[in-house]
Amino acid sequence: MSNFKTWSQKQDKILIDSSMSLGLEERNLDLNNKLWTAQALVEKPELIEDVHTEYFNAGSNLTVTNTYQASIKAI
């Protein structure tokens, strides 16, 4: 059995973090570009960490990647 499956079966609830775009906009990152939130991966990775930290501090125990729109074509 996988570690994730074992872990998840022991949880009463699994709370997944939420919108990256709102968190980045609240930190004044301009998302008006082809990469959208993925631009922060290049320009401001510390903001991504800050957004995830805020969700974990609010009780989230699972996160998602910030790679929506991240592609060679978008660059």
N, C-alpha and C. Protein backbone atom coordinates (compact mmCIF):
# COMPACT_ATOMS: atom_id res chain seq x y z
N MET A 1 0.84 -1.18 0.00
CA MET A 1 0.00 0.00 0.00
C MET A 1 0.89 1.25 0.00
N SER A 2 0.53 2.23 -0.79
CA SER A 2 1.35 3.43 -0.89
C SER A 2 1.32 4.24 0.39
N ASN A 3 2.36 5.03 0.61
CA ASN A 3 2.41 5.90 1.78
C ASN A 3 1.25 6.87 1.80
N PHE A 4 0.90 7.42 0.65
CA PHE A 4 -0.21 8.37 0.59
C PHE A 4 -1.52 7.69 0.94
N LYS A 5 -1.74 6.51 0.38
CA LYS A 5 -2.99 5.81 0.66
C LYS A 5 -3.08 5.48 2.15
N THR A 6 -2.01 5.02 2.73
CA THR A 6 -1.98 4.72 4.17
C THR A 6 -2.27 5.97 4.98
N TRP A 7 -1.59 7.05 4.64
CA TRP A 7 -1.79 8.32 5.33
C TRP A 7 -3.23 8.79 5.20
N SER A 8 -3.76 8.78 3.97
CA SER A 8 -5.09 9.33 3.72
C SER A 8 -6.18 8.53 4.43
N GLN A 9 -5.99 7.22 4.57
CA GLN A 9 -6.98 6.40 5.25
C GLN A 9 -7.03 6.68 6.75
N LYS A 10 -6.00 7.27 7.29
CA LYS A 10 -5.94 7.59 8.72
C LYS A 10 -6.51 8.98 9.03
N GLN A 11 -6.86 9.75 8.00
CA GLN A 11 -7.33 11.12 8.20
C GLN A 11 -8.85 11.16 8.36
N ASP A 12 -9.32 11.95 9.33
CA ASP A 12 -10.77 12.20 9.44
C ASP A 12 -11.23 13.06 8.27
N LYS A 13 -10.41 14.06 7.94
CA LYS A 13 -10.70 14.99 6.83
C LYS A 13 -9.40 15.29 6.13
N ILE A 14 -9.49 15.54 4.85
CA ILE A 14 -8.33 16.00 4.09
C ILE A 14 -8.72 17.34 3.48
N LEU A 15 -8.01 18.37 3.89
CA LEU A 15 -8.28 19.72 3.41
C LEU A 15 -7.19 20.11 2.41
N ILE A 16 -7.59 20.39 1.19
CA ILE A 16 -6.66 20.77 0.14
C ILE A 16 -6.64 22.29 0.02
N ASP A 17 -5.46 22.84 -0.20
CA ASP A 17 -5.37 24.30 -0.31
C ASP A 17 -6.18 24.81 -1.48
N SER A 18 -6.28 26.11 -1.59
CA SER A 18 -7.20 26.72 -2.54
C SER A 18 -6.47 27.55 -3.59
N SER A 19 -7.12 28.55 -4.07
CA SER A 19 -6.67 29.36 -5.19
C SER A 19 -5.28 29.97 -5.01
N MET A 20 -4.41 29.77 -5.98
CA MET A 20 -3.10 30.42 -5.99
C MET A 20 -3.24 31.85 -6.51
N SER A 21 -4.12 32.04 -7.49
CA SER A 21 -4.23 33.37 -8.10
C SER A 21 -4.67 34.42 -7.08
N LEU A 22 -5.64 34.11 -6.26
CA LEU A 22 -6.08 35.08 -5.26
C LEU A 22 -4.95 35.41 -4.29
N GLY A 23 -4.25 34.40 -3.82
CA GLY A 23 -3.13 34.63 -2.90
C GLY A 23 -2.04 35.48 -3.51
N LEU A 24 -1.74 35.25 -4.78
CA LEU A 24 -0.70 36.04 -5.45
C LEU A 24 -1.17 37.47 -5.72
N GLU A 25 -2.43 37.62 -6.11
CA GLU A 25 -2.97 38.97 -6.32
C GLU A 25 -2.98 39.76 -5.02
N GLU A 26 -3.30 39.08 -3.91
CA GLU A 26 -3.28 39.76 -2.61
C GLU A 26 -1.87 40.22 -2.24
N ARG A 27 -0.87 39.61 -2.86
CA ARG A 27 0.53 40.00 -2.63
C ARG A 27 1.05 40.90 -3.75
N ASN A 28 0.11 41.48 -4.50
CA ASN A 28 0.38 42.48 -5.55
C ASN A 28 1.18 41.96 -6.74
N LEU A 29 1.05 40.69 -7.07
CA LEU A 29 1.68 40.16 -8.27
C LEU A 29 0.74 40.35 -9.45
N ASP A 30 1.22 40.97 -10.51
CA ASP A 30 0.43 41.18 -11.72
C ASP A 30 0.34 39.86 -12.48
N LEU A 31 -0.86 39.32 -12.62
CA LEU A 31 -1.07 38.04 -13.30
C LEU A 31 -1.51 38.21 -14.75
N ASN A 32 -1.44 39.41 -15.26
CA ASN A 32 -1.87 39.68 -16.63
C ASN A 32 -0.74 39.36 -17.61
N ASN A 33 -0.51 38.06 -17.81
CA ASN A 33 0.53 37.59 -18.74
C ASN A 33 0.20 36.18 -19.19
N LYS A 34 0.92 35.67 -20.18
CA LYS A 34 0.64 34.35 -20.73
C LYS A 34 0.80 33.22 -19.72
N LEU A 35 1.70 33.38 -18.79
CA LEU A 35 1.95 32.32 -17.80
C LEU A 35 1.01 32.38 -16.60
N TRP A 36 0.31 33.47 -16.44
CA TRP A 36 -0.63 33.67 -15.36
C TRP A 36 0.07 33.40 -14.03
N THR A 37 -0.44 32.53 -13.16
CA THR A 37 0.19 32.32 -11.85
C THR A 37 1.56 31.66 -11.97
N ALA A 38 1.81 30.93 -13.04
CA ALA A 38 3.10 30.27 -13.21
C ALA A 38 4.24 31.28 -13.36
N GLN A 39 3.93 32.53 -13.69
CA GLN A 39 4.96 33.56 -13.78
C GLN A 39 5.68 33.72 -12.45
N ALA A 40 4.96 33.48 -11.36
CA ALA A 40 5.57 33.59 -10.03
C ALA A 40 6.66 32.53 -9.83
N LEU A 41 6.57 31.40 -10.51
CA LEU A 41 7.62 30.38 -10.43
C LEU A 41 8.96 30.94 -10.88
N VAL A 42 8.91 31.85 -11.84
CA VAL A 42 10.11 32.45 -12.40
C VAL A 42 10.51 33.71 -11.64
N GLU A 43 9.54 34.58 -11.41
CA GLU A 43 9.84 35.91 -10.87
C GLU A 43 9.79 36.04 -9.35
N LYS A 44 8.88 35.34 -8.71
CA LYS A 44 8.66 35.53 -7.27
C LYS A 44 8.33 34.22 -6.56
N PRO A 45 9.20 33.23 -6.60
CA PRO A 45 8.88 31.94 -5.97
C PRO A 45 8.60 32.05 -4.48
N GLU A 46 9.15 33.07 -3.83
CA GLU A 46 8.90 33.24 -2.40
C GLU A 46 7.43 33.55 -2.12
N LEU A 47 6.73 34.15 -3.10
CA LEU A 47 5.31 34.42 -2.93
C LEU A 47 4.50 33.13 -2.95
N ILE A 48 4.91 32.19 -3.79
CA ILE A 48 4.24 30.89 -3.84
C ILE A 48 4.39 30.18 -2.50
N GLU A 49 5.60 30.20 -1.97
CA GLU A 49 5.84 29.58 -0.67
C GLU A 49 4.99 30.26 0.41
N ASP A 50 4.88 31.57 0.34
CA ASP A 50 4.09 32.32 1.32
C ASP A 50 2.61 31.95 1.24
N VAL A 51 2.08 31.82 0.02
CA VAL A 51 0.67 31.45 -0.15
C VAL A 51 0.43 30.04 0.41
N HIS A 52 1.31 29.09 0.07
CA HIS A 52 1.15 27.73 0.59
C HIS A 52 1.24 27.71 2.12
N THR A 53 2.19 28.46 2.67
CA THR A 53 2.35 28.52 4.13
C THR A 53 1.07 29.04 4.78
N GLU A 54 0.46 30.06 4.17
CA GLU A 54 -0.78 30.61 4.71
C GLU A 54 -1.88 29.54 4.75
N TYR A 55 -1.99 28.76 3.68
CA TYR A 55 -2.99 27.69 3.65
C TYR A 55 -2.70 26.62 4.70
N PHE A 56 -1.43 26.23 4.84
CA PHE A 56 -1.09 25.23 5.86
C PHE A 56 -1.39 25.77 7.26
N ASN A 57 -1.08 27.03 7.50
CA ASN A 57 -1.37 27.64 8.80
C ASN A 57 -2.87 27.72 9.07
N ALA A 58 -3.67 27.74 8.01
CA ALA A 58 -5.12 27.78 8.15
C ALA A 58 -5.73 26.38 8.32
N GLY A 59 -4.88 25.33 8.22
CA GLY A 59 -5.37 23.98 8.45
C GLY A 59 -5.27 23.03 7.28
N SER A 60 -4.83 23.51 6.14
CA SER A 60 -4.67 22.62 4.99
C SER A 60 -3.58 21.59 5.28
N ASN A 61 -3.80 20.35 4.86
CA ASN A 61 -2.77 19.33 5.04
C ASN A 61 -2.34 18.70 3.72
N LEU A 62 -2.78 19.29 2.62
CA LEU A 62 -2.40 18.82 1.29
C LEU A 62 -2.35 20.02 0.36
N THR A 63 -1.37 20.07 -0.51
CA THR A 63 -1.24 21.21 -1.42
C THR A 63 -1.20 20.72 -2.87
N VAL A 64 -1.35 21.64 -3.79
CA VAL A 64 -1.27 21.34 -5.21
C VAL A 64 -0.15 22.17 -5.83
N THR A 65 0.28 21.80 -7.02
CA THR A 65 1.36 22.54 -7.66
C THR A 65 0.84 23.83 -8.28
N ASN A 66 1.74 24.74 -8.53
CA ASN A 66 1.41 26.01 -9.15
C ASN A 66 1.91 26.00 -10.59
N THR A 67 1.44 25.05 -11.39
CA THR A 67 1.95 24.91 -12.75
C THR A 67 0.89 25.12 -13.83
N TYR A 68 -0.30 25.56 -13.45
CA TYR A 68 -1.32 25.85 -14.45
C TYR A 68 -0.77 26.91 -15.40
N GLN A 69 -0.89 26.69 -16.69
CA GLN A 69 -0.40 27.58 -17.74
C GLN A 69 1.12 27.47 -17.96
N ALA A 70 1.82 26.69 -17.17
CA ALA A 70 3.27 26.57 -17.31
C ALA A 70 3.59 25.61 -18.46
N SER A 71 4.01 26.19 -19.57
CA SER A 71 4.39 25.38 -20.73
C SER A 71 5.32 26.18 -21.61
N ILE A 72 6.08 25.50 -22.42
CA ILE A 72 6.98 26.17 -23.36
C ILE A 72 6.17 27.05 -24.29
N LYS A 73 5.02 26.57 -24.73
CA LYS A 73 4.17 27.34 -25.64
C LYS A 73 3.74 28.67 -25.02
N ALA A 74 3.45 28.66 -23.71
CA ALA A 74 3.01 29.88 -23.04
C ALA A 74 4.12 30.91 -22.91
N ILE A 75 5.37 30.47 -22.91
CA ILE A 75 6.48 31.40 -22.79
C ILE A 75 6.66 32.10 -24.09
